[in-house]
C-alpha atoms as a PDB file:
ATOM      1  CA  MET A   1      24.801 -62.892  36.270  1.00  0.00           C
ATOM      2  CA  ASN A   2      24.570 -62.442  32.513  1.00  0.00           C
ATOM      3  CA  ILE A   3      23.330 -58.877  32.158  1.00  0.00           C
ATOM      4  CA  GLU A   4      22.774 -59.427  28.424  1.00  0.00           C
ATOM      5  CA  GLU A   5      19.701 -61.488  29.354  1.00  0.00           C
ATOM      6  CA  TYR A   6      18.012 -58.431  30.867  1.00  0.00           C
ATOM      7  CA  ARG A   7      15.976 -56.231  28.538  1.00  0.00           C
ATOM      8  CA  GLY A   8      13.231 -53.662  28.856  1.00  0.00           C
ATOM      9  CA  ILE A   9      12.087 -50.846  31.133  1.00  0.00           C
ATOM     10  CA  TRP A  10       9.576 -51.505  33.921  1.00  0.00           C
ATOM     11  CA  VAL A  11       7.450 -49.252  36.102  1.00  0.00           C
ATOM     12  CA  PHE A  12       5.782 -50.290  39.356  1.00  0.00           C
ATOM     13  CA  LEU A  13       2.158 -49.170  38.983  1.00  0.00           C
ATOM     14  CA  GLU A  14       1.136 -47.999  42.414  1.00  0.00           C
ATOM     15  CA  HIS A  15      -2.584 -47.381  42.879  1.00  0.00           C
ATOM     16  CA  LYS A  16      -4.838 -45.825  45.475  1.00  0.00           C
ATOM     17  CA  ASP A  17      -8.625 -45.581  45.780  1.00  0.00           C
ATOM     18  CA  GLY A  18      -9.147 -47.322  42.445  1.00  0.00           C
ATOM     19  CA  ALA A  19      -6.747 -45.209  40.374  1.00  0.00           C
ATOM     20  CA  ILE A  20      -3.086 -45.339  39.408  1.00  0.00           C
ATOM     21  CA  VAL A  21      -1.234 -42.688  41.423  1.00  0.00           C
ATOM     22  CA  PRO A  22       0.114 -39.701  39.432  1.00  0.00           C
ATOM     23  CA  VAL A  23       3.802 -40.468  40.000  1.00  0.00           C
ATOM     24  CA  SER A  24       3.403 -43.878  38.334  1.00  0.00           C
ATOM     25  CA  LEU A  25       1.860 -42.205  35.290  1.00  0.00           C
ATOM     26  CA  GLU A  26       4.750 -39.747  35.276  1.00  0.00           C
ATOM     27  CA  LEU A  27       7.205 -42.648  35.370  1.00  0.00           C
ATOM     28  CA  LEU A  28       5.518 -44.246  32.381  1.00  0.00           C
ATOM     29  CA  GLY A  29       6.360 -41.036  30.512  1.00  0.00           C
ATOM     30  CA  ALA A  30       9.984 -41.172  31.650  1.00  0.00           C
ATOM     31  CA  GLY A  31      10.118 -44.900  30.978  1.00  0.00           C
ATOM     32  CA  ARG A  32       8.775 -44.378  27.466  1.00  0.00           C
ATOM     33  CA  ARG A  33      11.592 -41.953  26.735  1.00  0.00           C
ATOM     34  CA  LEU A  34      14.231 -44.344  28.094  1.00  0.00           C
ATOM     35  CA  ALA A  35      12.721 -47.330  26.282  1.00  0.00           C
ATOM     36  CA  ASP A  36      12.631 -45.489  22.955  1.00  0.00           C
ATOM     37  CA  LYS A  37      16.240 -44.414  23.392  1.00  0.00           C
ATOM     38  CA  ARG A  38      17.274 -48.018  24.080  1.00  0.00           C
ATOM     39  CA  GLY A  39      14.953 -49.579  21.520  1.00  0.00           C
ATOM     40  CA  VAL A  40      13.353 -51.832  24.158  1.00  0.00           C
ATOM     41  CA  PRO A  41       9.778 -52.333  25.400  1.00  0.00           C
ATOM     42  CA  LEU A  42       8.140 -50.463  28.271  1.00  0.00           C
ATOM     43  CA  SER A  43       6.135 -52.519  30.751  1.00  0.00           C
ATOM     44  CA  GLY A  44       4.252 -51.980  33.975  1.00  0.00           C
ATOM     45  CA  ILE A  45       3.619 -54.336  36.865  1.00  0.00           C
ATOM     46  CA  LEU A  46       0.253 -54.001  38.594  1.00  0.00           C
ATOM     47  CA  ILE A  47      -0.434 -55.734  41.913  1.00  0.00           C
ATOM     48  CA  GLY A  48      -3.647 -55.624  43.927  1.00  0.00           C
ATOM     49  CA  ASP A  49      -7.152 -56.924  44.418  1.00  0.00           C
ATOM     50  CA  ASP A  50      -9.608 -56.325  41.554  1.00  0.00           C
ATOM     51  CA  VAL A  51      -7.146 -54.098  39.722  1.00  0.00           C
ATOM     52  CA  LYS A  52      -7.032 -55.637  36.253  1.00  0.00           C
ATOM     53  CA  GLY A  53      -9.186 -52.806  34.912  1.00  0.00           C
ATOM     54  CA  LEU A  54      -6.382 -50.310  35.648  1.00  0.00           C
ATOM     55  CA  ALA A  55      -4.113 -51.948  33.070  1.00  0.00           C
ATOM     56  CA  ALA A  56      -5.866 -50.122  30.219  1.00  0.00           C
ATOM     57  CA  GLU A  57      -5.035 -46.797  31.899  1.00  0.00           C
ATOM     58  CA  ALA A  58      -1.347 -47.737  32.079  1.00  0.00           C
ATOM     59  CA  ILE A  59      -1.387 -48.569  28.371  1.00  0.00           C
ATOM     60  CA  ALA A  60      -3.059 -45.237  27.601  1.00  0.00           C
ATOM     61  CA  TYR A  61      -0.105 -43.551  29.309  1.00  0.00           C
ATOM     62  CA  GLY A  62       2.578 -45.421  27.356  1.00  0.00           C
ATOM     63  CA  ALA A  63       2.989 -49.017  28.583  1.00  0.00           C
ATOM     64  CA  GLU A  64       3.200 -51.728  25.944  1.00  0.00           C
ATOM     65  CA  THR A  65       2.733 -54.620  28.358  1.00  0.00           C
ATOM     66  CA  VAL A  66       1.183 -54.787  31.820  1.00  0.00           C
ATOM     67  CA  TYR A  67       1.850 -57.764  34.091  1.00  0.00           C
ATOM     68  CA  VAL A  68      -1.044 -58.161  36.520  1.00  0.00           C
ATOM     69  CA  TYR A  69      -1.136 -59.931  39.878  1.00  0.00           C
ATOM     70  CA  ASP A  70      -4.792 -59.731  40.869  1.00  0.00           C
ATOM     71  CA  ASP A  71      -5.826 -61.589  44.002  1.00  0.00           C
ATOM     72  CA  PRO A  72      -7.448 -60.881  47.411  1.00  0.00           C
ATOM     73  CA  ILE A  73      -4.086 -61.606  49.075  1.00  0.00           C
ATOM     74  CA  PHE A  74      -2.949 -58.237  47.655  1.00  0.00           C
ATOM     75  CA  HIS A  75      -5.984 -56.318  48.948  1.00  0.00           C
ATOM     76  CA  HIS A  76      -3.803 -54.369  51.381  1.00  0.00           C
ATOM     77  CA  TYR A  77      -0.214 -53.406  50.667  1.00  0.00           C
ATOM     78  CA  ARG A  78       2.169 -55.615  52.633  1.00  0.00           C
ATOM     79  CA  THR A  79       5.876 -55.596  51.917  1.00  0.00           C
ATOM     80  CA  GLU A  80       6.238 -59.361  51.883  1.00  0.00           C
ATOM     81  CA  SER A  81       3.359 -60.221  49.549  1.00  0.00           C
ATOM     82  CA  TYR A  82       4.126 -57.470  47.026  1.00  0.00           C
ATOM     83  CA  MET A  83       7.854 -58.190  47.172  1.00  0.00           C
ATOM     84  CA  ARG A  84       7.315 -61.861  46.376  1.00  0.00           C
ATOM     85  CA  ALA A  85       5.153 -60.993  43.376  1.00  0.00           C
ATOM     86  CA  VAL A  86       7.705 -58.487  42.049  1.00  0.00           C
ATOM     87  CA  ILE A  87      10.646 -60.837  42.511  1.00  0.00           C
ATOM     88  CA  THR A  88       8.822 -63.708  40.800  1.00  0.00           C
ATOM     89  CA  CYS A  89       8.010 -61.480  37.838  1.00  0.00           C
ATOM     90  CA  VAL A  90      11.516 -60.005  37.617  1.00  0.00           C
ATOM     91  CA  GLU A  91      13.138 -63.440  37.653  1.00  0.00           C
ATOM     92  CA  LYS A  92      10.742 -64.614  34.952  1.00  0.00           C
ATOM     93  CA  TYR A  93      10.985 -61.688  32.502  1.00  0.00           C
ATOM     94  CA  LYS A  94      14.315 -60.019  33.446  1.00  0.00           C
ATOM     95  CA  PRO A  95      13.889 -56.237  32.985  1.00  0.00           C
ATOM     96  CA  GLU A  96      17.072 -54.149  32.743  1.00  0.00           C
ATOM     97  CA  ILE A  97      15.631 -51.076  34.498  1.00  0.00           C
ATOM     98  CA  PHE A  98      12.878 -50.903  37.131  1.00  0.00           C
ATOM     99  CA  LEU A  99      11.414 -47.575  38.311  1.00  0.00           C
ATOM    100  CA  TYR A 100       9.283 -46.889  41.389  1.00  0.00           C
ATOM    101  CA  GLY A 101       7.672 -43.707  42.667  1.00  0.00           C
ATOM    102  CA  ALA A 102       9.425 -42.269  45.729  1.00  0.00           C
ATOM    103  CA  THR A 103       6.281 -42.662  47.828  1.00  0.00           C
ATOM    104  CA  SER A 104       6.105 -44.458  51.174  1.00  0.00           C
ATOM    105  CA  THR A 105       4.947 -47.617  49.364  1.00  0.00           C
ATOM    106  CA  GLY A 106       7.395 -47.300  46.478  1.00  0.00           C
ATOM    107  CA  LYS A 107      10.406 -46.703  48.701  1.00  0.00           C
ATOM    108  CA  ASP A 108       9.476 -49.550  51.037  1.00  0.00           C
ATOM    109  CA  LEU A 109       8.923 -52.031  48.203  1.00  0.00           C
ATOM    110  CA  ALA A 110      11.949 -50.993  46.147  1.00  0.00           C
ATOM    111  CA  SER A 111      14.352 -51.345  49.079  1.00  0.00           C
ATOM    112  CA  ALA A 112      12.979 -54.795  49.938  1.00  0.00           C
ATOM    113  CA  VAL A 113      13.218 -55.982  46.329  1.00  0.00           C
ATOM    114  CA  ALA A 114      16.738 -54.580  45.888  1.00  0.00           C
ATOM    115  CA  THR A 115      17.896 -56.329  49.060  1.00  0.00           C
ATOM    116  CA  ASP A 116      16.481 -59.695  48.021  1.00  0.00           C
ATOM    117  CA  LEU A 117      17.804 -59.451  44.451  1.00  0.00           C
ATOM    118  CA  ALA A 118      21.152 -58.037  45.627  1.00  0.00           C
ATOM    119  CA  THR A 119      21.012 -55.228  43.092  1.00  0.00           C
ATOM    120  CA  GLY A 120      21.540 -51.477  43.252  1.00  0.00           C
ATOM    121  CA  LEU A 121      18.912 -48.877  44.100  1.00  0.00           C
ATOM    122  CA  THR A 122      19.175 -45.107  43.721  1.00  0.00           C
ATOM    123  CA  ALA A 123      16.789 -43.336  46.090  1.00  0.00           C
ATOM    124  CA  ASP A 124      14.923 -40.066  45.505  1.00  0.00           C
ATOM    125  CA  THR A 125      16.153 -39.625  41.939  1.00  0.00           C
ATOM    126  CA  THR A 126      15.403 -36.279  40.322  1.00  0.00           C
ATOM    127  CA  MET A 127      16.803 -36.861  36.804  1.00  0.00           C
ATOM    128  CA  LEU A 128      16.883 -39.980  34.637  1.00  0.00           C
ATOM    129  CA  ASP A 129      18.761 -40.894  31.485  1.00  0.00           C
ATOM    130  CA  VAL A 130      20.153 -44.038  29.891  1.00  0.00           C
ATOM    131  CA  ASP A 131      23.170 -44.827  27.740  1.00  0.00           C
ATOM    132  CA  ALA A 132      21.623 -46.017  24.489  1.00  0.00           C
ATOM    133  CA  GLU A 133      24.387 -48.535  23.791  1.00  0.00           C
ATOM    134  CA  THR A 134      25.361 -49.929  27.201  1.00  0.00           C
ATOM    135  CA  GLY A 135      21.924 -49.675  28.793  1.00  0.00           C
ATOM    136  CA  LEU A 136      23.372 -48.104  31.939  1.00  0.00           C
ATOM    137  CA  LEU A 137      20.763 -46.145  33.851  1.00  0.00           C
ATOM    138  CA  GLU A 138      22.039 -42.684  34.776  1.00  0.00           C
ATOM    139  CA  ALA A 139      20.090 -41.833  37.919  1.00  0.00           C
ATOM    140  CA  SER A 140      20.947 -38.406  39.311  1.00  0.00           C
ATOM    141  CA  ARG A 141      20.139 -36.879  42.690  1.00  0.00           C
ATOM    142  CA  PRO A 142      21.506 -34.123  44.924  1.00  0.00           C
ATOM    143  CA  ALA A 143      24.258 -35.200  47.319  1.00  0.00           C
ATOM    144  CA  PHE A 144      26.311 -33.725  50.160  1.00  0.00           C
ATOM    145  CA  GLY A 145      23.426 -31.681  51.506  1.00  0.00           C
ATOM    146  CA  GLY A 146      22.288 -30.619  48.052  1.00  0.00           C
ATOM    147  CA  ASN A 147      25.574 -28.956  47.127  1.00  0.00           C
ATOM    148  CA  ILE A 148      26.300 -31.206  44.135  1.00  0.00           C
ATOM    149  CA  MET A 149      24.436 -33.510  41.770  1.00  0.00           C
ATOM    150  CA  ALA A 150      25.569 -37.138  41.838  1.00  0.00           C
ATOM    151  CA  THR A 151      24.896 -39.501  38.939  1.00  0.00           C
ATOM    152  CA  ILE A 152      24.762 -43.082  40.176  1.00  0.00           C
ATOM    153  CA  LEU A 153      25.394 -46.151  38.011  1.00  0.00           C
ATOM    154  CA  CYS A 154      24.789 -49.838  38.657  1.00  0.00           C
ATOM    155  CA  LYS A 155      27.250 -51.517  36.306  1.00  0.00           C
ATOM    156  CA  LYS A 156      27.300 -55.138  37.411  1.00  0.00           C
ATOM    157  CA  ASP A 157      23.818 -56.034  38.631  1.00  0.00           C
ATOM    158  CA  ARG A 158      20.334 -56.138  37.130  1.00  0.00           C
ATOM    159  CA  PRO A 159      17.736 -54.840  37.199  1.00  0.00           C
ATOM    160  CA  GLN A 160      18.973 -51.312  37.766  1.00  0.00           C
ATOM    161  CA  MET A 161      16.473 -49.695  40.111  1.00  0.00           C
ATOM    162  CA  ALA A 162      15.539 -46.200  41.208  1.00  0.00           C
ATOM    163  CA  THR A 163      12.826 -44.458  43.176  1.00  0.00           C
ATOM    164  CA  VAL A 164      11.843 -41.182  41.528  1.00  0.00           C
ATOM    165  CA  ARG A 165      10.303 -38.180  43.239  1.00  0.00           C
ATOM    166  CA  PRO A 166       6.824 -37.061  42.157  1.00  0.00           C
ATOM    167  CA  LYS A 167       6.621 -34.058  39.821  1.00  0.00           C
ATOM    168  CA  VAL A 168      10.209 -34.268  38.509  1.00  0.00           C
ATOM    169  CA  VAL A 169       9.243 -36.004  35.241  1.00  0.00           C
ATOM    170  CA  LYS A 170       6.186 -35.539  33.068  1.00  0.00           C
ATOM    171  CA  ALA A 171       3.521 -38.010  32.066  1.00  0.00           C
ATOM    172  CA  LEU A 172       2.591 -38.478  28.434  1.00  0.00           C
ATOM    173  CA  GLU A 173      -0.762 -37.272  27.203  1.00  0.00           C
ATOM    174  CA  ARG A 174      -3.425 -39.890  27.871  1.00  0.00           C
ATOM    175  CA  ASP A 175      -4.187 -41.673  24.592  1.00  0.00           C
ATOM    176  CA  LEU A 176      -6.940 -44.284  24.611  1.00  0.00           C
ATOM    177  CA  GLU A 177      -5.948 -45.286  21.078  1.00  0.00           C
ATOM    178  CA  ARG A 178      -2.707 -46.822  22.316  1.00  0.00           C
ATOM    179  CA  THR A 179      -2.738 -50.600  22.352  1.00  0.00           C
ATOM    180  CA  GLY A 180      -0.866 -53.031  24.533  1.00  0.00           C
ATOM    181  CA  GLU A 181      -0.890 -56.487  26.064  1.00  0.00           C
ATOM    182  CA  VAL A 182      -2.226 -57.407  29.502  1.00  0.00           C
ATOM    183  CA  ILE A 183      -0.687 -60.554  30.970  1.00  0.00           C
ATOM    184  CA  GLU A 184      -2.333 -62.047  34.043  1.00  0.00           C
ATOM    185  CA  GLU A 185       0.298 -63.779  36.150  1.00  0.00           C
ATOM    186  CA  PRO A 186      -0.544 -66.787  38.337  1.00  0.00           C
ATOM    187  CA  VAL A 187      -0.696 -66.133  42.083  1.00  0.00           C
ATOM    188  CA  GLU A 188       0.755 -68.979  44.102  1.00  0.00           C
ATOM    189  CA  LEU A 189       0.929 -67.196  47.453  1.00  0.00           C
ATOM    190  CA  ARG A 190      -1.324 -68.295  50.290  1.00  0.00           C
ATOM    191  CA  GLU A 191      -2.375 -66.160  53.237  1.00  0.00           C
ATOM    192  CA  GLU A 192      -0.621 -68.500  55.662  1.00  0.00           C
ATOM    193  CA  ASP A 193       2.653 -67.807  53.807  1.00  0.00           C
ATOM    194  CA  ILE A 194       2.541 -64.117  54.783  1.00  0.00           C
ATOM    195  CA  ARG A 195       3.780 -63.252  58.245  1.00  0.00           C
ATOM    196  CA  THR A 196       2.059 -59.893  58.594  1.00  0.00           C
ATOM    197  CA  LYS A 197      -1.709 -59.367  58.813  1.00  0.00           C
ATOM    198  CA  VAL A 198      -3.667 -56.156  58.390  1.00  0.00           C
ATOM    199  CA  LEU A 199      -6.193 -56.033  61.217  1.00  0.00           C
ATOM    200  CA  ASP A 200      -7.573 -52.555  60.671  1.00  0.00           C
ATOM    201  CA  ILE A 201      -6.904 -49.313  58.814  1.00  0.00           C
ATOM    202  CA  VAL A 202      -7.366 -46.163  60.912  1.00  0.00           C
ATOM    203  CA  ARG A 203      -7.447 -42.937  58.939  1.00  0.00           C
ATOM    204  CA  HIS A 204      -6.594 -39.741  60.790  1.00  0.00           C
ATOM    205  CA  THR A 205      -7.284 -36.630  58.775  1.00  0.00           C
ATOM    206  CA  VAL A 206      -5.212 -33.535  59.395  1.00  0.00           C
ATOM    207  CA  LYS A 207      -5.168 -30.267  57.531  1.00  0.00           C
ATOM    208  CA  LYS A 208      -1.932 -30.024  55.563  1.00  0.00           C
ATOM    209  CA  VAL A 209      -0.513 -27.487  53.196  1.00  0.00           C
ATOM    210  CA  ARG A 210      -0.512 -28.949  49.654  1.00  0.00           C
ATOM    211  CA  LEU A 211       2.129 -26.875  47.900  1.00  0.00           C
ATOM    212  CA  ASP A 212       2.364 -29.485  45.162  1.00  0.00           C
ATOM    213  CA  GLU A 213      -1.183 -28.547  44.088  1.00  0.00           C
ATOM    214  CA  ALA A 214      -0.704 -24.747  44.119  1.00  0.00           C
ATOM    215  CA  ASP A 215      -0.862 -22.755  40.866  1.00  0.00           C
ATOM    216  CA  ILE A 216       1.160 -19.835  42.278  1.00  0.00           C
ATOM    217  CA  ILE A 217       3.844 -20.045  44.964  1.00  0.00           C
ATOM    218  CA  VAL A 218       5.718 -17.241  46.663  1.00  0.00           C
ATOM    219  CA  ALA A 219       8.794 -18.758  48.309  1.00  0.00           C
ATOM    220  CA  GLY A 220      11.264 -17.060  50.613  1.00  0.00           C
ATOM    221  CA  GLY A 221      14.783 -17.878  51.633  1.00  0.00           C
ATOM    222  CA  LYS A 222      17.606 -16.839  53.908  1.00  0.00           C
ATOM    223  CA  GLY A 223      17.800 -13.459  52.208  1.00  0.00           C
ATOM    224  CA  LEU A 224      14.544 -12.400  53.884  1.00  0.00           C
ATOM    225  CA  GLY A 225      16.384 -12.277  57.192  1.00  0.00           C
ATOM    226  CA  GLY A 226      13.619 -13.417  59.529  1.00  0.00           C
ATOM    227  CA  ARG A 227       9.919 -13.785  60.259  1.00  0.00           C
ATOM    228  CA  ALA A 228       9.225 -10.189  59.253  1.00  0.00           C
ATOM    229  CA  GLY A 229      10.352 -11.022  55.727  1.00  0.00           C
ATOM    230  CA  PHE A 230       7.945 -13.940  55.606  1.00  0.00           C
ATOM    231  CA  GLU A 231       5.113 -11.765  56.885  1.00  0.00           C
ATOM    232  CA  MET A 232       5.852  -9.448  53.971  1.00  0.00           C
ATOM    233  CA  ILE A 233       5.802 -12.150  51.308  1.00  0.00           C
ATOM    234  CA  GLY A 234       2.762 -13.689  53.018  1.00  0.00           C
ATOM    235  CA  GLU A 235       0.870 -10.461  52.448  1.00  0.00           C
ATOM    236  CA  PHE A 236       2.015 -10.409  48.821  1.00  0.00           C
ATOM    237  CA  ALA A 237       0.908 -14.034  48.381  1.00  0.00           C
ATOM    238  CA  LYS A 238      -2.486 -13.244  49.869  1.00  0.00           C
ATOM    239  CA  ARG A 239      -3.015 -10.396  47.426  1.00  0.00           C
ATOM    240  CA  ILE A 240      -2.290 -12.569  44.365  1.00  0.00           C
ATOM    241  CA  GLY A 241      -3.959 -15.768  45.591  1.00  0.00           C
ATOM    242  CA  ALA A 242      -0.704 -17.681  46.066  1.00  0.00           C
ATOM    243  CA  SER A 243       0.630 -20.199  48.574  1.00  0.00           C
ATOM    244  CA  VAL A 244       3.743 -19.473  50.627  1.00  0.00           C
ATOM    245  CA  GLY A 245       6.794 -21.735  50.524  1.00  0.00           C
ATOM    246  CA  GLY A 246      10.334 -21.577  51.822  1.00  0.00           C
ATOM    247  CA  SER A 247      13.861 -22.845  51.384  1.00  0.00           C
ATOM    248  CA  ARG A 248      15.574 -25.272  53.719  1.00  0.00           C
ATOM    249  CA  ASP A 249      17.561 -22.452  55.321  1.00  0.00           C
ATOM    250  CA  ALA A 250      14.333 -20.633  56.190  1.00  0.00           C
ATOM    251  CA  VAL A 251      12.804 -23.789  57.657  1.00  0.00           C
ATOM    252  CA  GLU A 252      15.883 -24.567  59.719  1.00  0.00           C
ATOM    253  CA  ALA A 253      15.884 -20.984  61.017  1.00  0.00           C
ATOM    254  CA  GLY A 254      12.295 -21.483  62.225  1.00  0.00           C
ATOM    255  CA  TRP A 255      10.798 -18.792  59.986  1.00  0.00           C
ATOM    256  CA  ILE A 256       8.373 -21.174  58.254  1.00  0.00           C
ATOM    257  CA  GLU A 257       7.114 -24.685  58.968  1.00  0.00           C
ATOM    258  CA  HIS A 258       8.634 -27.769  57.337  1.00  0.00           C
ATOM    259  CA  SER A 259       5.408 -28.622  55.487  1.00  0.00           C
ATOM    260  CA  ARG A 260       6.079 -25.577  53.305  1.00  0.00           C
ATOM    261  CA  GLN A 261       9.669 -26.452  52.421  1.00  0.00           C
ATOM    262  CA  VAL A 262      10.443 -26.692  48.701  1.00  0.00           C
ATOM    263  CA  GLY A 263      13.403 -28.803  47.611  1.00  0.00           C
ATOM    264  CA  GLN A 264      15.074 -32.177  47.821  1.00  0.00           C
ATOM    265  CA  THR A 265      14.297 -32.577  51.532  1.00  0.00           C
ATOM    266  CA  GLY A 266      10.905 -30.921  51.193  1.00  0.00           C
ATOM    267  CA  VAL A 267       8.296 -31.067  48.449  1.00  0.00           C
ATOM    268  CA  THR A 268       8.649 -30.920  44.675  1.00  0.00           C
ATOM    269  CA  VAL A 269       6.345 -28.368  43.055  1.00  0.00           C
ATOM    270  CA  THR A 270       5.320 -27.445  39.502  1.00  0.00           C
ATOM    271  CA  PRO A 271       3.176 -24.294  39.798  1.00  0.00           C
ATOM    272  CA  LYS A 272       2.313 -22.068  36.882  1.00  0.00           C
ATOM    273  CA  ILE A 273       4.221 -19.202  38.578  1.00  0.00           C
ATOM    274  CA  TYR A 274       6.989 -19.470  41.173  1.00  0.00           C
ATOM    275  CA  PHE A 275       8.416 -16.417  42.961  1.00  0.00           C
ATOM    276  CA  ALA A 276      11.834 -17.110  44.517  1.00  0.00           C
ATOM    277  CA  ILE A 277      12.503 -14.235  46.909  1.00  0.00           C
ATOM    278  CA  GLY A 278      15.775 -14.042  48.801  1.00  0.00           C
ATOM    279  CA  ILE A 279      16.652 -17.576  47.660  1.00  0.00           C
ATOM    280  CA  SER A 280      20.226 -18.136  46.505  1.00  0.00           C
ATOM    281  CA  GLY A 281      19.485 -21.127  44.271  1.00  0.00           C
ATOM    282  CA  ALA A 282      21.233 -24.129  45.866  1.00  0.00           C
ATOM    283  CA  ILE A 283      20.797 -27.376  43.935  1.00  0.00           C
ATOM    284  CA  GLN A 284      18.811 -28.784  46.856  1.00  0.00           C
ATOM    285  CA  HIS A 285      16.183 -26.121  46.268  1.00  0.00           C
ATOM    286  CA  LEU A 286      16.313 -26.007  42.469  1.00  0.00           C
ATOM    287  CA  VAL A 287      15.429 -29.676  42.026  1.00  0.00           C
ATOM    288  CA  GLY A 288      12.196 -29.005  43.892  1.00  0.00           C
ATOM    289  CA  MET A 289      10.922 -26.181  41.655  1.00  0.00           C
ATOM    290  CA  GLN A 290      12.863 -26.187  38.392  1.00  0.00           C
ATOM    291  CA  ASN A 291       9.886 -27.489  36.375  1.00  0.00           C
ATOM    292  CA  SER A 292       7.674 -24.537  37.303  1.00  0.00           C
ATOM    293  CA  GLY A 293       5.959 -22.832  34.378  1.00  0.00           C
ATOM    294  CA  LEU A 294       7.369 -19.354  35.088  1.00  0.00           C
ATOM    295  CA  ILE A 295      10.094 -18.610  37.628  1.00  0.00           C
ATOM    296  CA  ILE A 296      10.602 -15.045  38.870  1.00  0.00           C
ATOM    297  CA  ALA A 297      13.592 -14.424  41.137  1.00  0.00           C
ATOM    298  CA  ILE A 298      14.316 -11.455  43.423  1.00  0.00           C
ATOM    299  CA  ASN A 299      17.743 -11.274  45.043  1.00  0.00           C
ATOM    300  CA  LYS A 300      20.164  -8.471  45.832  1.00  0.00           C
ATOM    301  CA  ASP A 301      23.145 -10.667  44.878  1.00  0.00           C
ATOM    302  CA  SER A 302      23.489 -10.419  41.110  1.00  0.00           C
ATOM    303  CA  ASN A 303      25.675 -13.549  41.113  1.00  0.00           C
ATOM    304  CA  ALA A 304      23.115 -15.731  42.889  1.00  0.00           C
ATOM    305  CA  ALA A 305      22.657 -19.110  41.204  1.00  0.00           C
ATOM    306  CA  ILE A 306      18.883 -18.618  41.117  1.00  0.00           C
ATOM    307  CA  PHE A 307      19.333 -16.181  38.246  1.00  0.00           C
ATOM    308  CA  GLN A 308      20.641 -19.041  36.092  1.00  0.00           C
ATOM    309  CA  ALA A 309      17.409 -20.966  36.642  1.00  0.00           C
ATOM    310  CA  CYS A 310      14.749 -18.265  36.399  1.00  0.00           C
ATOM    311  CA  HIS A 311      12.828 -16.804  33.473  1.00  0.00           C
ATOM    312  CA  TYR A 312      12.817 -13.283  34.917  1.00  0.00           C
ATOM    313  CA  GLY A 313      15.204 -11.912  37.517  1.00  0.00           C
ATOM    314  CA  ILE A 314      15.161  -8.713  39.579  1.00  0.00           C
ATOM    315  CA  VAL A 315      18.374  -7.648  41.293  1.00  0.00           C
ATOM    316  CA  GLY A 316      17.565  -5.599  44.362  1.00  0.00           C
ATOM    317  CA  ASP A 317      16.365  -5.495  47.947  1.00  0.00           C
ATOM    318  CA  ALA A 318      13.272  -7.643  48.438  1.00  0.00           C
ATOM    319  CA  PHE A 319      12.053  -5.274  51.171  1.00  0.00           C
ATOM    320  CA  GLU A 320      11.830  -2.538  48.558  1.00  0.00           C
ATOM    321  CA  ILE A 321      10.675  -4.603  45.578  1.00  0.00           C
ATOM    322  CA  VAL A 322       7.978  -6.798  47.133  1.00  0.00           C
ATOM    323  CA  PRO A 323       5.924  -3.876  48.529  1.00  0.00           C
ATOM    324  CA  MET A 324       6.126  -2.269  45.077  1.00  0.00           C
ATOM    325  CA  LEU A 325       4.849  -5.490  43.485  1.00  0.00           C
ATOM    326  CA  THR A 326       2.075  -5.722  46.063  1.00  0.00           C
ATOM    327  CA  GLU A 327       0.979  -2.173  45.339  1.00  0.00           C
ATOM    328  CA  ALA A 328       1.151  -2.790  41.577  1.00  0.00           C
ATOM    329  CA  PHE A 329      -1.106  -5.842  41.878  1.00  0.00           C
ATOM    330  CA  ASP A 330      -3.476  -3.897  44.130  1.00  0.00           C
ATOM    331  CA  GLN A 331      -3.640  -1.108  41.551  1.00  0.00           C
ATOM    332  CA  ALA A 332      -4.313  -3.567  38.738  1.00  0.00           C
ATOM    333  CA  LEU A 333      -7.083  -5.159  40.788  1.00  0.00           C
ATOM    334  CA  ARG A 334      -8.649  -1.783  41.541  1.00  0.00           C
ATOM    335  CA  GLU A 335      -8.606  -0.901  37.836  1.00  0.00           C
ATOM    336  CA  GLU A 336     -10.219  -4.207  36.976  1.00  0.00           C
ATOM    337  CA  VAL A 337     -12.961  -3.658  39.533  1.00  0.00           C
ATOM    338  CA  LYS A 338     -13.442  -0.059  38.373  1.00  0.00           C
ATOM    339  CA  HIS A 339     -13.910  -1.043  34.743  1.00  0.00           C
ATOM    340  CA  GLY A 340     -16.050  -4.052  35.583  1.00  0.00           C
END
């Protein structure tokens, strides 16, 4: 392989219900930064049925070129059909870096493509950078249970690939004045070439906590000591209109359900305000909330790592401080009601 032949940054443009999913728009923002640093173009690849119209949206979010595979054979996502389209396009245009959202579709497709192309893939990346001269993608993610950050390189193979978690990078501002090129690629696949068939889609709706959509989160950790601690912060969250989250330690202890776990093995969140109460600040947790607008930490250990990541820190016993905060918010609310 002559890696000098490979040039440019690509993003897989995943879509759902007629719109590009947010993580793909976020990756266009990250890809734009990497492409500018390398001095190479940023492109997107869009696969589906009647999806050409979405290319303009990708350009508005930073893509210079969008390669489109638009055909009824891509009406439903199937690993084999999408993989064949991606591989054909990669072999034709040779991108140096290819980014996918770490969604169920993105992870499935990326692993299949990496296997067929015999190239490297970094999964669940939380930080991205590139060496401007060598073009090496520096894909970082927590390792060894979240105790360290590992930066993974793919030195010998191309394209360098990574799946990136939602909410860890930011999309550019949508700009309809941006211009770009839309290239419709020929589709040579036939239905009989695909081994899997989609017979039916059955949607089962369940009520789930959506921490990633919350504006305010009150999260508790091991320092709360048990369910009583979570009842306390739950009451505080209720008073201020917040959602309740937890660290991995709290989930593993059974104090809060897994759907509320924040961190590398949970959900990534970007609320306007994040309260970290009794949370030490392990890397595994930090990567899930470090992009919050305002981080307020409460911990009785003054050396806790969380104090290096927060905007405001309170050293003390949460069982003394949280009730005081609750009362202070109650008082402020009463004053607001009193004065209309």
